[in-house]
């Protein structure tokens, strides 16, 4: 059987990201923006994991 839930989730996540990247390709410093976004997301993920590990 095909896992339709996983396919829906991947479409929901990949669609908007691809759209944003596509529309930003013509702007300057897109790679710097992407790196900054990844960096802030990593920090958020680390703080989130740190907070949740305290409750484990």
C-alpha atoms as a PDB file:
ATOM      1  CA  UNK A   1       0.000   0.000   0.000  1.00  0.00           C
ATOM      2  CA  UNK A   2       1.062   3.554  -0.646  1.00  0.00           C
ATOM      3  CA  UNK A   3       1.388   5.724   2.445  1.00  0.00           C
ATOM      4  CA  UNK A   4      -0.877   8.591   1.360  1.00  0.00           C
ATOM      5  CA  UNK A   5      -0.367  10.454   4.642  1.00  0.00           C
ATOM      6  CA  UNK A   6       3.389  10.684   4.066  1.00  0.00           C
ATOM      7  CA  UNK A   7       2.820  11.874   0.492  1.00  0.00           C
ATOM      8  CA  UNK A   8       0.411  14.574   1.664  1.00  0.00           C
ATOM      9  CA  UNK A   9       2.840  15.755   4.339  1.00  0.00           C
ATOM     10  CA  UNK A  10       5.737  15.912   1.874  1.00  0.00           C
ATOM     11  CA  UNK A  11       3.627  17.889  -0.611  1.00  0.00           C
ATOM     12  CA  UNK A  12       2.526  20.299   2.124  1.00  0.00           C
ATOM     13  CA  UNK A  13       6.147  20.936   3.133  1.00  0.00           C
ATOM     14  CA  UNK A  14       7.875  20.836  -0.262  1.00  0.00           C
ATOM     15  CA  UNK A  15       5.281  22.904  -2.152  1.00  0.00           C
ATOM     16  CA  UNK A  16       5.547  26.201  -0.239  1.00  0.00           C
ATOM     17  CA  UNK A  17       9.328  25.935   0.106  1.00  0.00           C
ATOM     18  CA  UNK A  18       9.770  25.356  -3.627  1.00  0.00           C
ATOM     19  CA  UNK A  19       7.407  28.237  -4.394  1.00  0.00           C
ATOM     20  CA  UNK A  20       9.242  30.646  -2.088  1.00  0.00           C
ATOM     21  CA  UNK A  21      12.637  29.646  -3.503  1.00  0.00           C
ATOM     22  CA  UNK A  22      11.344  29.943  -7.073  1.00  0.00           C
ATOM     23  CA  UNK A  23      10.001  33.467  -6.547  1.00  0.00           C
ATOM     24  CA  UNK A  24      13.122  34.605  -4.676  1.00  0.00           C
ATOM     25  CA  UNK A  25      15.595  33.332  -7.258  1.00  0.00           C
ATOM     26  CA  UNK A  26      15.674  36.722  -8.986  1.00  0.00           C
ATOM     27  CA  UNK A  27      16.429  38.644  -5.803  1.00  0.00           C
ATOM     28  CA  UNK A  28      19.917  39.518  -4.640  1.00  0.00           C
ATOM     29  CA  UNK A  29      21.595  37.715  -1.740  1.00  0.00           C
ATOM     30  CA  UNK A  30      19.174  34.791  -1.923  1.00  0.00           C
ATOM     31  CA  UNK A  31      21.853  32.378  -0.733  1.00  0.00           C
ATOM     32  CA  UNK A  32      22.644  34.589   2.263  1.00  0.00           C
ATOM     33  CA  UNK A  33      18.940  34.672   3.121  1.00  0.00           C
ATOM     34  CA  UNK A  34      18.685  30.891   2.853  1.00  0.00           C
ATOM     35  CA  UNK A  35      21.738  30.440   5.065  1.00  0.00           C
ATOM     36  CA  UNK A  36      20.323  32.863   7.639  1.00  0.00           C
ATOM     37  CA  UNK A  37      16.978  31.025   7.578  1.00  0.00           C
ATOM     38  CA  UNK A  38      18.697  27.670   8.063  1.00  0.00           C
ATOM     39  CA  UNK A  39      20.820  29.098  10.881  1.00  0.00           C
ATOM     40  CA  UNK A  40      17.822  30.557  12.752  1.00  0.00           C
ATOM     41  CA  UNK A  41      15.851  27.338  12.213  1.00  0.00           C
ATOM     42  CA  UNK A  42      18.723  25.293  13.639  1.00  0.00           C
ATOM     43  CA  UNK A  43      18.829  27.549  16.712  1.00  0.00           C
ATOM     44  CA  UNK A  44      15.060  27.227  17.140  1.00  0.00           C
ATOM     45  CA  UNK A  45      15.267  23.443  16.807  1.00  0.00           C
ATOM     46  CA  UNK A  46      18.079  23.245  19.359  1.00  0.00           C
ATOM     47  CA  UNK A  47      16.228  25.363  21.925  1.00  0.00           C
ATOM     48  CA  UNK A  48      13.033  23.395  21.287  1.00  0.00           C
ATOM     49  CA  UNK A  49      14.827  20.077  21.809  1.00  0.00           C
ATOM     50  CA  UNK A  50      16.587  21.415  24.885  1.00  0.00           C
ATOM     51  CA  UNK A  51      13.310  22.527  26.457  1.00  0.00           C
ATOM     52  CA  UNK A  52      11.542  19.259  25.662  1.00  0.00           C
ATOM     53  CA  UNK A  53      14.408  17.092  26.891  1.00  0.00           C
ATOM     54  CA  UNK A  54      13.995  18.683  30.337  1.00  0.00           C
ATOM     55  CA  UNK A  55      10.501  17.207  30.558  1.00  0.00           C
ATOM     56  CA  UNK A  56      11.556  13.747  29.384  1.00  0.00           C
END
